[in-house]
Amino acid sequence: MQADVRFKMPFNFAQVVIAAFGAMSLSVLAYFIARVIGASMEYSGGLFQNLDFIHIVRFTAPPILVLGFLTFLIGRAKPGFCRIAQVIGVAAVLASAVVQWFFAEDWGTALTVTLMHLVVAASWYVAVNYSNRKFNEIAELDGLRNSQRSA
């Protein structure tokens, strides 16, 4: 007889918060360094024409936090979803990084924004890593032991 074990949590949500604000901080740093060395941060098309500081903040931390929370909720029911979310998230961010080269006004802007995307991709991968696997396996074994005792 198999015990119905409910997974406690696929990962610690604190790692999502740390990754989100870490990615935002590194991206903001890259933005200011790029501005100092002469990158225009202007685009000829796409979502906006000029990349400002507030764009970096708005398009880095909130998406990681919201999507990380959704992955956390879905991952509680289906822990395998965390791996799928990792791969899809990284693929989407890397595809977006490639697109920057088509719309950026100068190579400094494209290189900087691509670097920001790489930081976000790495942060996302770490943020939704199914890191509580060992804890959940212990909980499952405890659940099996308890069900065998009561049977």
C-alpha atoms as a PDB file:
ATOM      1  CA  MET A   1       0.000   0.000   0.000  1.00  0.00           C
ATOM      2  CA  GLN A   2       1.447   3.368  -1.060  1.00  0.00           C
ATOM      3  CA  ALA A   3       1.108   6.335   1.240  1.00  0.00           C
ATOM      4  CA  ASP A   4      -0.213   9.588  -0.111  1.00  0.00           C
ATOM      5  CA  VAL A   5       2.698  11.915   0.550  1.00  0.00           C
ATOM      6  CA  ARG A   6       2.312  15.606  -0.074  1.00  0.00           C
ATOM      7  CA  PHE A   7       5.509  17.364  -0.982  1.00  0.00           C
ATOM      8  CA  LYS A   8       6.200  20.211   1.411  1.00  0.00           C
ATOM      9  CA  MET A   9       7.865  22.555  -1.067  1.00  0.00           C
ATOM     10  CA  PRO A  10       9.882  22.126  -4.250  1.00  0.00           C
ATOM     11  CA  PHE A  11      12.397  24.804  -3.248  1.00  0.00           C
ATOM     12  CA  ASN A  12      12.788  27.567  -0.742  1.00  0.00           C
ATOM     13  CA  PHE A  13      11.088  30.721  -2.054  1.00  0.00           C
ATOM     14  CA  ALA A  14      13.832  32.784  -0.408  1.00  0.00           C
ATOM     15  CA  GLN A  15      16.160  31.604  -3.178  1.00  0.00           C
ATOM     16  CA  VAL A  16      13.787  33.187  -5.712  1.00  0.00           C
ATOM     17  CA  VAL A  17      13.840  36.502  -3.840  1.00  0.00           C
ATOM     18  CA  ILE A  18      17.633  36.435  -3.563  1.00  0.00           C
ATOM     19  CA  ALA A  19      18.043  35.534  -7.247  1.00  0.00           C
ATOM     20  CA  ALA A  20      15.586  38.228  -8.367  1.00  0.00           C
ATOM     21  CA  PHE A  21      17.264  41.036  -6.480  1.00  0.00           C
ATOM     22  CA  GLY A  22      20.725  39.699  -7.255  1.00  0.00           C
ATOM     23  CA  ALA A  23      19.949  39.656 -10.983  1.00  0.00           C
ATOM     24  CA  MET A  24      18.448  43.131 -10.749  1.00  0.00           C
ATOM     25  CA  SER A  25      21.501  44.478  -8.895  1.00  0.00           C
ATOM     26  CA  LEU A  26      23.975  42.990 -11.373  1.00  0.00           C
ATOM     27  CA  SER A  27      21.903  44.230 -14.317  1.00  0.00           C
ATOM     28  CA  VAL A  28      21.728  47.742 -12.866  1.00  0.00           C
ATOM     29  CA  LEU A  29      25.486  47.674 -12.329  1.00  0.00           C
ATOM     30  CA  ALA A  30      26.015  46.563 -15.941  1.00  0.00           C
ATOM     31  CA  TYR A  31      23.664  49.340 -17.109  1.00  0.00           C
ATOM     32  CA  PHE A  32      25.599  52.072 -15.322  1.00  0.00           C
ATOM     33  CA  ILE A  33      28.963  50.710 -16.436  1.00  0.00           C
ATOM     34  CA  ALA A  34      27.712  50.605 -20.032  1.00  0.00           C
ATOM     35  CA  ARG A  35      26.432  54.184 -19.802  1.00  0.00           C
ATOM     36  CA  VAL A  36      29.798  55.341 -18.455  1.00  0.00           C
ATOM     37  CA  ILE A  37      31.751  53.679 -21.281  1.00  0.00           C
ATOM     38  CA  GLY A  38      29.468  55.186 -23.917  1.00  0.00           C
ATOM     39  CA  ALA A  39      26.699  52.725 -24.761  1.00  0.00           C
ATOM     40  CA  SER A  40      23.691  54.672 -26.021  1.00  0.00           C
ATOM     41  CA  MET A  41      21.044  52.284 -24.637  1.00  0.00           C
ATOM     42  CA  GLU A  42      18.840  53.228 -27.599  1.00  0.00           C
ATOM     43  CA  TYR A  43      16.898  50.956 -29.919  1.00  0.00           C
ATOM     44  CA  SER A  44      15.621  51.360 -33.462  1.00  0.00           C
ATOM     45  CA  GLY A  45      12.528  49.237 -32.847  1.00  0.00           C
ATOM     46  CA  GLY A  46      11.055  46.703 -30.513  1.00  0.00           C
ATOM     47  CA  LEU A  47       9.394  47.309 -27.172  1.00  0.00           C
ATOM     48  CA  PHE A  48      10.881  50.752 -26.441  1.00  0.00           C
ATOM     49  CA  GLN A  49      13.307  53.216 -27.982  1.00  0.00           C
ATOM     50  CA  ASN A  50      15.436  54.120 -24.986  1.00  0.00           C
ATOM     51  CA  LEU A  51      16.461  51.769 -22.193  1.00  0.00           C
ATOM     52  CA  ASP A  52      16.305  53.597 -18.865  1.00  0.00           C
ATOM     53  CA  PHE A  53      17.265  52.585 -15.342  1.00  0.00           C
ATOM     54  CA  ILE A  54      13.628  51.967 -14.387  1.00  0.00           C
ATOM     55  CA  HIS A  55      13.249  49.502 -17.295  1.00  0.00           C
ATOM     56  CA  ILE A  56      16.051  47.395 -15.847  1.00  0.00           C
ATOM     57  CA  VAL A  57      14.351  47.296 -12.462  1.00  0.00           C
ATOM     58  CA  ARG A  58      10.846  46.654 -13.857  1.00  0.00           C
ATOM     59  CA  PHE A  59      11.854  43.917 -16.287  1.00  0.00           C
ATOM     60  CA  THR A  60      14.192  42.027 -13.972  1.00  0.00           C
ATOM     61  CA  ALA A  61      12.967  41.543 -10.404  1.00  0.00           C
ATOM     62  CA  PRO A  62       9.140  41.485 -10.772  1.00  0.00           C
ATOM     63  CA  PRO A  63       9.031  38.815 -13.525  1.00  0.00           C
ATOM     64  CA  ILE A  64      11.396  36.526 -11.605  1.00  0.00           C
ATOM     65  CA  LEU A  65       9.383  37.003  -8.408  1.00  0.00           C
ATOM     66  CA  VAL A  66       5.971  36.428 -10.019  1.00  0.00           C
ATOM     67  CA  LEU A  67       7.005  33.524 -12.247  1.00  0.00           C
ATOM     68  CA  GLY A  68       9.069  32.032  -9.415  1.00  0.00           C
ATOM     69  CA  PHE A  69       6.025  32.144  -7.140  1.00  0.00           C
ATOM     70  CA  LEU A  70       3.859  30.466  -9.800  1.00  0.00           C
ATOM     71  CA  THR A  71       6.532  27.806 -10.301  1.00  0.00           C
ATOM     72  CA  PHE A  72       6.650  27.344  -6.521  1.00  0.00           C
ATOM     73  CA  LEU A  73       2.875  26.811  -6.357  1.00  0.00           C
ATOM     74  CA  ILE A  74       2.761  24.427  -9.319  1.00  0.00           C
ATOM     75  CA  GLY A  75       5.935  22.677  -8.112  1.00  0.00           C
ATOM     76  CA  ARG A  76       4.250  21.817  -4.813  1.00  0.00           C
ATOM     77  CA  ALA A  77       1.747  19.662  -6.685  1.00  0.00           C
ATOM     78  CA  LYS A  78       4.115  18.463  -9.414  1.00  0.00           C
ATOM     79  CA  PRO A  79       7.793  18.735  -8.404  1.00  0.00           C
ATOM     80  CA  GLY A  80       8.916  17.760 -11.924  1.00  0.00           C
ATOM     81  CA  PHE A  81       7.497  21.045 -13.169  1.00  0.00           C
ATOM     82  CA  CYS A  82      10.460  22.879 -11.644  1.00  0.00           C
ATOM     83  CA  ARG A  83      12.831  21.320 -14.176  1.00  0.00           C
ATOM     84  CA  ILE A  84      10.490  22.216 -17.046  1.00  0.00           C
ATOM     85  CA  ALA A  85      10.207  25.797 -15.770  1.00  0.00           C
ATOM     86  CA  GLN A  86      13.992  26.038 -15.547  1.00  0.00           C
ATOM     87  CA  VAL A  87      14.516  24.994 -19.149  1.00  0.00           C
ATOM     88  CA  ILE A  88      11.658  27.049 -20.610  1.00  0.00           C
ATOM     89  CA  GLY A  89      12.677  30.137 -18.632  1.00  0.00           C
ATOM     90  CA  VAL A  90      16.310  29.947 -19.675  1.00  0.00           C
ATOM     91  CA  ALA A  91      15.349  29.314 -23.314  1.00  0.00           C
ATOM     92  CA  ALA A  92      12.991  32.313 -23.363  1.00  0.00           C
ATOM     93  CA  VAL A  93      15.584  34.621 -21.825  1.00  0.00           C
ATOM     94  CA  LEU A  94      18.318  33.445 -24.212  1.00  0.00           C
ATOM     95  CA  ALA A  95      16.012  33.931 -27.215  1.00  0.00           C
ATOM     96  CA  SER A  96      15.327  37.442 -26.005  1.00  0.00           C
ATOM     97  CA  ALA A  97      19.063  38.041 -25.646  1.00  0.00           C
ATOM     98  CA  VAL A  98      19.617  37.200 -29.306  1.00  0.00           C
ATOM     99  CA  VAL A  99      16.881  39.611 -30.400  1.00  0.00           C
ATOM    100  CA  GLN A 100      18.751  42.526 -28.782  1.00  0.00           C
ATOM    101  CA  TRP A 101      21.358  42.406 -31.536  1.00  0.00           C
ATOM    102  CA  PHE A 102      18.756  43.207 -34.195  1.00  0.00           C
ATOM    103  CA  PHE A 103      17.347  46.344 -32.563  1.00  0.00           C
ATOM    104  CA  ALA A 104      20.191  47.921 -30.561  1.00  0.00           C
ATOM    105  CA  GLU A 105      21.647  51.129 -31.994  1.00  0.00           C
ATOM    106  CA  ASP A 106      25.230  50.192 -31.097  1.00  0.00           C
ATOM    107  CA  TRP A 107      27.199  47.097 -30.161  1.00  0.00           C
ATOM    108  CA  GLY A 108      27.811  48.354 -26.597  1.00  0.00           C
ATOM    109  CA  THR A 109      24.082  48.425 -25.940  1.00  0.00           C
ATOM    110  CA  ALA A 110      23.534  44.999 -27.481  1.00  0.00           C
ATOM    111  CA  LEU A 111      26.441  43.470 -25.582  1.00  0.00           C
ATOM    112  CA  THR A 112      25.363  44.984 -22.264  1.00  0.00           C
ATOM    113  CA  VAL A 113      21.742  43.922 -22.594  1.00  0.00           C
ATOM    114  CA  THR A 114      22.832  40.447 -23.702  1.00  0.00           C
ATOM    115  CA  LEU A 115      25.015  40.242 -20.590  1.00  0.00           C
ATOM    116  CA  MET A 116      22.003  41.285 -18.485  1.00  0.00           C
ATOM    117  CA  HIS A 117      19.964  38.517 -20.089  1.00  0.00           C
ATOM    118  CA  LEU A 118      22.661  35.959 -19.294  1.00  0.00           C
ATOM    119  CA  VAL A 119      22.637  37.077 -15.650  1.00  0.00           C
ATOM    120  CA  VAL A 120      18.837  36.755 -15.551  1.00  0.00           C
ATOM    121  CA  ALA A 121      18.966  33.296 -17.184  1.00  0.00           C
ATOM    122  CA  ALA A 122      21.491  32.045 -14.629  1.00  0.00           C
ATOM    123  CA  SER A 123      19.502  33.595 -11.786  1.00  0.00           C
ATOM    124  CA  TRP A 124      16.272  32.001 -12.994  1.00  0.00           C
ATOM    125  CA  TYR A 125      17.925  28.601 -13.265  1.00  0.00           C
ATOM    126  CA  VAL A 126      19.202  28.841  -9.690  1.00  0.00           C
ATOM    127  CA  ALA A 127      15.972  30.412  -8.365  1.00  0.00           C
ATOM    128  CA  VAL A 128      13.632  27.577  -9.342  1.00  0.00           C
ATOM    129  CA  ASN A 129      16.084  24.753  -8.745  1.00  0.00           C
ATOM    130  CA  TYR A 130      14.292  21.812  -7.138  1.00  0.00           C
ATOM    131  CA  SER A 131      16.567  22.016  -4.130  1.00  0.00           C
ATOM    132  CA  ASN A 132      14.352  20.456  -1.470  1.00  0.00           C
ATOM    133  CA  ARG A 133      14.450  17.035  -3.107  1.00  0.00           C
ATOM    134  CA  LYS A 134      16.258  15.483  -0.137  1.00  0.00           C
ATOM    135  CA  PHE A 135      13.793  17.017   2.344  1.00  0.00           C
ATOM    136  CA  ASN A 136      10.861  15.707   0.301  1.00  0.00           C
ATOM    137  CA  GLU A 137      12.389  12.226   0.044  1.00  0.00           C
ATOM    138  CA  ILE A 138      12.758  12.144   3.830  1.00  0.00           C
ATOM    139  CA  ALA A 139       9.125  13.289   4.184  1.00  0.00           C
ATOM    140  CA  GLU A 140       8.053  10.532   1.794  1.00  0.00           C
ATOM    141  CA  LEU A 141       9.942   7.874   3.755  1.00  0.00           C
ATOM    142  CA  ASP A 142       8.424   9.140   6.998  1.00  0.00           C
ATOM    143  CA  GLY A 143       4.983   8.980   5.378  1.00  0.00           C
ATOM    144  CA  LEU A 144       5.586   5.395   4.289  1.00  0.00           C
ATOM    145  CA  ARG A 145       6.782   4.409   7.751  1.00  0.00           C
ATOM    146  CA  ASN A 146       3.750   6.002   9.379  1.00  0.00           C
ATOM    147  CA  SER A 147       1.362   4.287   6.970  1.00  0.00           C
ATOM    148  CA  GLN A 148       3.016   0.885   7.635  1.00  0.00           C
ATOM    149  CA  ARG A 149       2.679   1.402  11.394  1.00  0.00           C
ATOM    150  CA  SER A 150      -1.017   2.190  11.124  1.00  0.00           C
ATOM    151  CA  ALA A 151      -1.723  -0.745   8.791  1.00  0.00           C
END
